[in-house]
């Protein structure tokens, strides 16, 4: 809910002014978290099966 509230106050011009680097960092962190989640799930599954 809080993240949605933050998004409601974001202006598209502010995102454009920030440039591509913050968006690239966000995409990199997203991929890192997805990869880490997959690795943890695979490790726990292998450990307990």
PDB file of N, CA and C in Angstrom:
ATOM      1  N   UNK A   1       0.817  -1.176   0.000  1.00  0.00           N
ATOM      2  CA  UNK A   1       0.000   0.000   0.000  1.00  0.00           C
ATOM      3  C   UNK A   1       0.875   1.261   0.000  1.00  0.00           C
ATOM      4  N   UNK A   2       1.923   1.235   0.786  1.00  0.00           N
ATOM      5  CA  UNK A   2       2.792   2.404   0.867  1.00  0.00           C
ATOM      6  C   UNK A   2       3.513   2.644  -0.454  1.00  0.00           C
ATOM      7  N   UNK A   3       3.938   1.572  -1.125  1.00  0.00           N
ATOM      8  CA  UNK A   3       4.620   1.740  -2.409  1.00  0.00           C
ATOM      9  C   UNK A   3       3.679   2.325  -3.452  1.00  0.00           C
ATOM     10  N   UNK A   4       2.422   1.919  -3.417  1.00  0.00           N
ATOM     11  CA  UNK A   4       1.437   2.487  -4.342  1.00  0.00           C
ATOM     12  C   UNK A   4       1.240   3.965  -4.054  1.00  0.00           C
ATOM     13  N   UNK A   5       1.216   4.333  -2.791  1.00  0.00           N
ATOM     14  CA  UNK A   5       1.055   5.738  -2.424  1.00  0.00           C
ATOM     15  C   UNK A   5       2.243   6.566  -2.903  1.00  0.00           C
ATOM     16  N   UNK A   6       3.430   6.012  -2.826  1.00  0.00           N
ATOM     17  CA  UNK A   6       4.603   6.726  -3.339  1.00  0.00           C
ATOM     18  C   UNK A   6       4.510   6.911  -4.847  1.00  0.00           C
ATOM     19  N   UNK A   7       4.017   5.894  -5.526  1.00  0.00           N
ATOM     20  CA  UNK A   7       3.889   5.974  -6.975  1.00  0.00           C
ATOM     21  C   UNK A   7       2.872   7.002  -7.423  1.00  0.00           C
ATOM     22  N   UNK A   8       1.857   7.233  -6.615  1.00  0.00           N
ATOM     23  CA  UNK A   8       0.832   8.211  -6.978  1.00  0.00           C
ATOM     24  C   UNK A   8       1.370   9.631  -6.994  1.00  0.00           C
ATOM     25  N   UNK A   9       2.415   9.897  -6.222  1.00  0.00           N
ATOM     26  CA  UNK A   9       2.962  11.251  -6.159  1.00  0.00           C
ATOM     27  C   UNK A   9       4.162  11.443  -7.080  1.00  0.00           C
ATOM     28  N   UNK A  10       4.514  10.438  -7.856  1.00  0.00           N
ATOM     29  CA  UNK A  10       5.661  10.525  -8.758  1.00  0.00           C
ATOM     30  C   UNK A  10       5.243  11.153 -10.080  1.00  0.00           C
ATOM     31  N   UNK A  11       6.013  12.115 -10.523  1.00  0.00           N
ATOM     32  CA  UNK A  11       5.756  12.762 -11.808  1.00  0.00           C
ATOM     33  C   UNK A  11       6.672  12.149 -12.864  1.00  0.00           C
ATOM     34  N   UNK A  12       6.136  11.923 -14.052  1.00  0.00           N
ATOM     35  CA  UNK A  12       6.911  11.330 -15.137  1.00  0.00           C
ATOM     36  C   UNK A  12       8.110  12.205 -15.497  1.00  0.00           C
ATOM     37  N   UNK A  13       7.966  13.512 -15.382  1.00  0.00           N
ATOM     38  CA  UNK A  13       9.078  14.413 -15.689  1.00  0.00           C
ATOM     39  C   UNK A  13      10.246  14.200 -14.726  1.00  0.00           C
ATOM     40  N   UNK A  14       9.963  13.858 -13.477  1.00  0.00           N
ATOM     41  CA  UNK A  14      11.040  13.594 -12.514  1.00  0.00           C
ATOM     42  C   UNK A  14      11.811  12.343 -12.901  1.00  0.00           C
ATOM     43  N   UNK A  15      11.112  11.350 -13.416  1.00  0.00           N
ATOM     44  CA  UNK A  15      11.780  10.124 -13.862  1.00  0.00           C
ATOM     45  C   UNK A  15      12.636  10.415 -15.087  1.00  0.00           C
ATOM     46  N   UNK A  16      12.105  11.212 -15.999  1.00  0.00           N
ATOM     47  CA  UNK A  16      12.880  11.575 -17.196  1.00  0.00           C
ATOM     48  C   UNK A  16      14.122  12.370 -16.819  1.00  0.00           C
ATOM     49  N   UNK A  17      13.993  13.288 -15.867  1.00  0.00           N
ATOM     50  CA  UNK A  17      15.132  14.111 -15.457  1.00  0.00           C
ATOM     51  C   UNK A  17      16.205  13.291 -14.752  1.00  0.00           C
ATOM     52  N   UNK A  18      15.815  12.226 -14.080  1.00  0.00           N
ATOM     53  CA  UNK A  18      16.788  11.391 -13.370  1.00  0.00           C
ATOM     54  C   UNK A  18      17.680  10.630 -14.342  1.00  0.00           C
ATOM     55  N   UNK A  19      17.153  10.315 -15.513  1.00  0.00           N
ATOM     56  CA  UNK A  19      17.947   9.602 -16.508  1.00  0.00           C
ATOM     57  C   UNK A  19      17.781   8.095 -16.412  1.00  0.00           C
ATOM     58  N   UNK A  20      18.634   7.388 -17.151  1.00  0.00           N
ATOM     59  CA  UNK A  20      18.513   5.938 -17.279  1.00  0.00           C
ATOM     60  C   UNK A  20      19.218   5.192 -16.146  1.00  0.00           C
ATOM     61  N   UNK A  21      20.204   5.807 -15.503  1.00  0.00           N
ATOM     62  CA  UNK A  21      20.991   5.094 -14.495  1.00  0.00           C
ATOM     63  C   UNK A  21      20.153   4.575 -13.321  1.00  0.00           C
ATOM     64  N   UNK A  22      19.263   5.360 -12.728  1.00  0.00           N
ATOM     65  CA  UNK A  22      18.451   4.804 -11.636  1.00  0.00           C
ATOM     66  C   UNK A  22      17.552   3.656 -12.091  1.00  0.00           C
ATOM     67  N   UNK A  23      17.017   3.737 -13.300  1.00  0.00           N
ATOM     68  CA  UNK A  23      16.175   2.656 -13.814  1.00  0.00           C
ATOM     69  C   UNK A  23      17.002   1.406 -14.093  1.00  0.00           C
ATOM     70  N   UNK A  24      18.214   1.596 -14.593  1.00  0.00           N
ATOM     71  CA  UNK A  24      19.100   0.457 -14.833  1.00  0.00           C
ATOM     72  C   UNK A  24      19.485  -0.206 -13.510  1.00  0.00           C
ATOM     73  N   UNK A  25      19.754   0.596 -12.488  1.00  0.00           N
ATOM     74  CA  UNK A  25      20.074   0.046 -11.174  1.00  0.00           C
ATOM     75  C   UNK A  25      18.888  -0.725 -10.608  1.00  0.00           C
ATOM     76  N   UNK A  26      17.693  -0.184 -10.761  1.00  0.00           N
ATOM     77  CA  UNK A  26      16.493  -0.874 -10.283  1.00  0.00           C
ATOM     78  C   UNK A  26      16.313  -2.206 -11.003  1.00  0.00           C
ATOM     79  N   UNK A  27      16.554  -2.231 -12.309  1.00  0.00           N
ATOM     80  CA  UNK A  27      16.429  -3.475 -13.071  1.00  0.00           C
ATOM     81  C   UNK A  27      17.480  -4.490 -12.627  1.00  0.00           C
ATOM     82  N   UNK A  28      18.692  -4.016 -12.368  1.00  0.00           N
ATOM     83  CA  UNK A  28      19.762  -4.898 -11.900  1.00  0.00           C
ATOM     84  C   UNK A  28      19.419  -5.483 -10.528  1.00  0.00           C
ATOM     85  N   UNK A  29      18.927  -4.664  -9.624  1.00  0.00           N
ATOM     86  CA  UNK A  29      18.547  -5.147  -8.297  1.00  0.00           C
ATOM     87  C   UNK A  29      17.378  -6.118  -8.368  1.00  0.00           C
ATOM     88  N   UNK A  30      16.430  -5.849  -9.258  1.00  0.00           N
ATOM     89  CA  UNK A  30      15.296  -6.752  -9.446  1.00  0.00           C
ATOM     90  C   UNK A  30      15.787  -8.120  -9.907  1.00  0.00           C
ATOM     91  N   UNK A  31      16.679  -8.131 -10.900  1.00  0.00           N
ATOM     92  CA  UNK A  31      17.228  -9.392 -11.407  1.00  0.00           C
ATOM     93  C   UNK A  31      18.030 -10.110 -10.322  1.00  0.00           C
ATOM     94  N   UNK A  32      18.791  -9.361  -9.528  1.00  0.00           N
ATOM     95  CA  UNK A  32      19.577  -9.938  -8.440  1.00  0.00           C
ATOM     96  C   UNK A  32      18.670 -10.611  -7.410  1.00  0.00           C
ATOM     97  N   UNK A  33      17.574  -9.960  -7.050  1.00  0.00           N
ATOM     98  CA  UNK A  33      16.644 -10.530  -6.077  1.00  0.00           C
ATOM     99  C   UNK A  33      15.931 -11.761  -6.627  1.00  0.00           C
ATOM    100  N   UNK A  34      15.557 -11.726  -7.892  1.00  0.00           N
ATOM    101  CA  UNK A  34      14.921 -12.894  -8.508  1.00  0.00           C
ATOM    102  C   UNK A  34      15.908 -14.064  -8.538  1.00  0.00           C
ATOM    103  N   UNK A  35      17.132 -13.801  -8.978  1.00  0.00           N
ATOM    104  CA  UNK A  35      18.154 -14.848  -9.025  1.00  0.00           C
ATOM    105  C   UNK A  35      18.468 -15.399  -7.643  1.00  0.00           C
ATOM    106  N   UNK A  36      18.560 -14.532  -6.656  1.00  0.00           N
ATOM    107  CA  UNK A  36      18.814 -14.977  -5.289  1.00  0.00           C
ATOM    108  C   UNK A  36      17.679 -15.825  -4.750  1.00  0.00           C
ATOM    109  N   UNK A  37      16.453 -15.435  -5.051  1.00  0.00           N
ATOM    110  CA  UNK A  37      15.297 -16.217  -4.612  1.00  0.00           C
ATOM    111  C   UNK A  37      15.274 -17.597  -5.235  1.00  0.00           C
ATOM    112  N   UNK A  38      15.607 -17.656  -6.510  1.00  0.00           N
ATOM    113  CA  UNK A  38      15.664 -18.951  -7.197  1.00  0.00           C
ATOM    114  C   UNK A  38      16.761 -19.824  -6.584  1.00  0.00           C
ATOM    115  N   UNK A  39      17.924 -19.228  -6.317  1.00  0.00           N
ATOM    116  CA  UNK A  39      19.036 -19.987  -5.737  1.00  0.00           C
ATOM    117  C   UNK A  39      18.692 -20.494  -4.337  1.00  0.00           C
ATOM    118  N   UNK A  40      18.060 -19.659  -3.532  1.00  0.00           N
ATOM    119  CA  UNK A  40      17.684 -20.083  -2.180  1.00  0.00           C
ATOM    120  C   UNK A  40      16.652 -21.200  -2.239  1.00  0.00           C
ATOM    121  N   UNK A  41      15.662 -21.060  -3.102  1.00  0.00           N
ATOM    122  CA  UNK A  41      14.652 -22.114  -3.239  1.00  0.00           C
ATOM    123  C   UNK A  41      15.275 -23.425  -3.702  1.00  0.00           C
ATOM    124  N   UNK A  42      16.188 -23.348  -4.661  1.00  0.00           N
ATOM    125  CA  UNK A  42      16.848 -24.561  -5.149  1.00  0.00           C
ATOM    126  C   UNK A  42      17.690 -25.196  -4.046  1.00  0.00           C
ATOM    127  N   UNK A  43      18.397 -24.367  -3.283  1.00  0.00           N
ATOM    128  CA  UNK A  43      19.224 -24.890  -2.201  1.00  0.00           C
ATOM    129  C   UNK A  43      18.409 -25.536  -1.098  1.00  0.00           C
ATOM    130  N   UNK A  44      17.333 -24.897  -0.696  1.00  0.00           N
ATOM    131  CA  UNK A  44      16.481 -25.452   0.359  1.00  0.00           C
ATOM    132  C   UNK A  44      15.807 -26.728  -0.123  1.00  0.00           C
ATOM    133  N   UNK A  45      15.365 -26.733  -1.376  1.00  0.00           N
ATOM    134  CA  UNK A  45      14.735 -27.932  -1.931  1.00  0.00           C
ATOM    135  C   UNK A  45      15.729 -29.090  -1.977  1.00  0.00           C
ATOM    136  N   UNK A  46      16.955 -28.824  -2.394  1.00  0.00           N
ATOM    137  CA  UNK A  46      17.972 -29.878  -2.451  1.00  0.00           C
ATOM    138  C   UNK A  46      18.353 -30.354  -1.053  1.00  0.00           C
ATOM    139  N   UNK A  47      18.346 -29.458  -0.101  1.00  0.00           N
ATOM    140  CA  UNK A  47      18.733 -29.800   1.263  1.00  0.00           C
ATOM    141  C   UNK A  47      17.705 -30.690   1.945  1.00  0.00           C
ATOM    142  N   UNK A  48      16.438 -30.444   1.685  1.00  0.00           N
ATOM    143  CA  UNK A  48      15.378 -31.162   2.391  1.00  0.00           C
ATOM    144  C   UNK A  48      14.688 -32.242   1.567  1.00  0.00           C
ATOM    145  N   UNK A  49      15.228 -32.568   0.408  1.00  0.00           N
ATOM    146  CA  UNK A  49      14.580 -33.641  -0.366  1.00  0.00           C
ATOM    147  C   UNK A  49      15.524 -34.790  -0.636  1.00  0.00           C
TER     148      UNK A  49
END
